[in-house]
Amino acid sequence: MGAWMAWKAQTVPEGFVLMPKKPDVDKAWSIALKRIVPPPKTNDAIQKELMYKKYVDDLYSEQDRILLDYEAMIEAQEQGQ
């Protein structure tokens, strides 16, 4: 572990972190689950179905936004080098 830390200290400037170029889809989904509030409970079957569909759509939209933001961040960093 000591060699790894020494290498990292020499190659990663202060204030920066190493991260993969490709975003992790599962991690983006996990973040989306934390950001999007689930629908309230209801006994109305039709309302429940509509709210659940909107919730799932919101989750996928948030996941897509997270992935696009990640890719834009990586692209901006690469252009700055």
C-alpha atoms as a PDB file:
ATOM      1  CA  MET A   1       0.000   0.000   0.000  1.00  0.00           C
ATOM      2  CA  GLY A   2       2.923   2.333   0.668  1.00  0.00           C
ATOM      3  CA  ALA A   3       4.052   2.295  -2.984  1.00  0.00           C
ATOM      4  CA  TRP A   4       0.523   3.099  -4.136  1.00  0.00           C
ATOM      5  CA  MET A   5       0.245   6.085  -1.805  1.00  0.00           C
ATOM      6  CA  ALA A   6       3.665   7.374  -2.907  1.00  0.00           C
ATOM      7  CA  TRP A   7       2.714   7.050  -6.593  1.00  0.00           C
ATOM      8  CA  LYS A   8      -0.641   8.713  -6.015  1.00  0.00           C
ATOM      9  CA  ALA A   9       0.976  11.604  -4.138  1.00  0.00           C
ATOM     10  CA  GLN A  10       3.300  12.226  -7.084  1.00  0.00           C
ATOM     11  CA  THR A  11       0.698  11.976  -9.860  1.00  0.00           C
ATOM     12  CA  VAL A  12      -2.524  13.402  -8.410  1.00  0.00           C
ATOM     13  CA  PRO A  13      -2.318  17.139  -7.702  1.00  0.00           C
ATOM     14  CA  GLU A  14      -3.647  18.467  -4.408  1.00  0.00           C
ATOM     15  CA  GLY A  15      -7.396  19.058  -4.614  1.00  0.00           C
ATOM     16  CA  PHE A  16      -7.952  16.451  -7.349  1.00  0.00           C
ATOM     17  CA  VAL A  17      -9.145  12.842  -7.170  1.00  0.00           C
ATOM     18  CA  LEU A  18      -8.806   9.800  -9.395  1.00  0.00           C
ATOM     19  CA  MET A  19     -12.085   8.651 -10.874  1.00  0.00           C
ATOM     20  CA  PRO A  20     -13.161   6.446 -13.773  1.00  0.00           C
ATOM     21  CA  LYS A  21     -13.805   8.054 -17.169  1.00  0.00           C
ATOM     22  CA  LYS A  22     -17.037   6.120 -17.589  1.00  0.00           C
ATOM     23  CA  PRO A  23     -19.787   6.718 -15.023  1.00  0.00           C
ATOM     24  CA  ASP A  24     -21.149   3.813 -13.016  1.00  0.00           C
ATOM     25  CA  VAL A  25     -24.813   3.369 -13.967  1.00  0.00           C
ATOM     26  CA  ASP A  26     -25.612   1.542 -10.733  1.00  0.00           C
ATOM     27  CA  LYS A  27     -24.072   4.354  -8.675  1.00  0.00           C
ATOM     28  CA  ALA A  28     -26.099   6.926 -10.658  1.00  0.00           C
ATOM     29  CA  TRP A  29     -29.267   4.928  -9.929  1.00  0.00           C
ATOM     30  CA  SER A  30     -28.394   4.801  -6.245  1.00  0.00           C
ATOM     31  CA  ILE A  31     -27.917   8.581  -6.171  1.00  0.00           C
ATOM     32  CA  ALA A  32     -31.210   9.091  -8.030  1.00  0.00           C
ATOM     33  CA  LEU A  33     -33.001   6.965  -5.424  1.00  0.00           C
ATOM     34  CA  LYS A  34     -31.687   9.288  -2.703  1.00  0.00           C
ATOM     35  CA  ARG A  35     -32.712  12.461  -4.577  1.00  0.00           C
ATOM     36  CA  ILE A  36     -36.227  11.592  -5.780  1.00  0.00           C
ATOM     37  CA  VAL A  37     -38.920  11.407  -3.125  1.00  0.00           C
ATOM     38  CA  PRO A  38     -41.163   8.332  -3.390  1.00  0.00           C
ATOM     39  CA  PRO A  39     -44.860   8.945  -3.848  1.00  0.00           C
ATOM     40  CA  PRO A  40     -47.139   9.002  -0.797  1.00  0.00           C
ATOM     41  CA  LYS A  41     -49.124   5.899   0.014  1.00  0.00           C
ATOM     42  CA  THR A  42     -52.676   5.787  -1.235  1.00  0.00           C
ATOM     43  CA  ASN A  43     -55.470   3.235  -1.376  1.00  0.00           C
ATOM     44  CA  ASP A  44     -56.708   4.432  -4.770  1.00  0.00           C
ATOM     45  CA  ALA A  45     -55.354   1.863  -7.259  1.00  0.00           C
ATOM     46  CA  ILE A  46     -55.446   4.200 -10.262  1.00  0.00           C
ATOM     47  CA  GLN A  47     -53.787   7.060  -8.414  1.00  0.00           C
ATOM     48  CA  LYS A  48     -51.191   4.652  -6.997  1.00  0.00           C
ATOM     49  CA  GLU A  49     -50.339   3.391 -10.481  1.00  0.00           C
ATOM     50  CA  LEU A  50     -50.077   6.918 -11.921  1.00  0.00           C
ATOM     51  CA  MET A  51     -47.901   8.147  -9.055  1.00  0.00           C
ATOM     52  CA  TYR A  52     -45.655   5.094  -9.277  1.00  0.00           C
ATOM     53  CA  LYS A  53     -45.210   5.574 -13.042  1.00  0.00           C
ATOM     54  CA  LYS A  54     -44.272   9.223 -12.507  1.00  0.00           C
ATOM     55  CA  TYR A  55     -41.864   8.216  -9.734  1.00  0.00           C
ATOM     56  CA  VAL A  56     -40.103   5.681 -11.974  1.00  0.00           C
ATOM     57  CA  ASP A  57     -39.975   8.191 -14.850  1.00  0.00           C
ATOM     58  CA  ASP A  58     -38.475  10.773 -12.468  1.00  0.00           C
ATOM     59  CA  LEU A  59     -35.879   8.241 -11.304  1.00  0.00           C
ATOM     60  CA  TYR A  60     -34.793   7.455 -14.862  1.00  0.00           C
ATOM     61  CA  SER A  61     -34.681  11.158 -15.739  1.00  0.00           C
ATOM     62  CA  GLU A  62     -32.538  11.904 -12.685  1.00  0.00           C
ATOM     63  CA  GLN A  63     -30.229   8.984 -13.478  1.00  0.00           C
ATOM     64  CA  ASP A  64     -29.801  10.276 -17.039  1.00  0.00           C
ATOM     65  CA  ARG A  65     -29.065  13.779 -15.746  1.00  0.00           C
ATOM     66  CA  ILE A  66     -26.447  12.421 -13.322  1.00  0.00           C
ATOM     67  CA  LEU A  67     -24.756  10.412 -16.090  1.00  0.00           C
ATOM     68  CA  LEU A  68     -24.751  13.377 -18.492  1.00  0.00           C
ATOM     69  CA  ASP A  69     -23.352  15.703 -15.819  1.00  0.00           C
ATOM     70  CA  TYR A  70     -20.616  13.193 -15.020  1.00  0.00           C
ATOM     71  CA  GLU A  71     -19.643  12.827 -18.678  1.00  0.00           C
ATOM     72  CA  ALA A  72     -19.647  16.616 -19.142  1.00  0.00           C
ATOM     73  CA  MET A  73     -17.395  17.007 -16.111  1.00  0.00           C
ATOM     74  CA  ILE A  74     -14.906  14.450 -17.465  1.00  0.00           C
ATOM     75  CA  GLU A  75     -14.977  16.044 -20.932  1.00  0.00           C
ATOM     76  CA  ALA A  76     -14.382  19.514 -19.505  1.00  0.00           C
ATOM     77  CA  GLN A  77     -11.421  18.236 -17.475  1.00  0.00           C
ATOM     78  CA  GLU A  78      -9.900  16.533 -20.516  1.00  0.00           C
ATOM     79  CA  GLN A  79     -10.231  19.718 -22.614  1.00  0.00           C
ATOM     80  CA  GLY A  80      -8.531  21.711 -19.880  1.00  0.00           C
ATOM     81  CA  GLN A  81      -5.376  19.608 -19.973  1.00  0.00           C
END
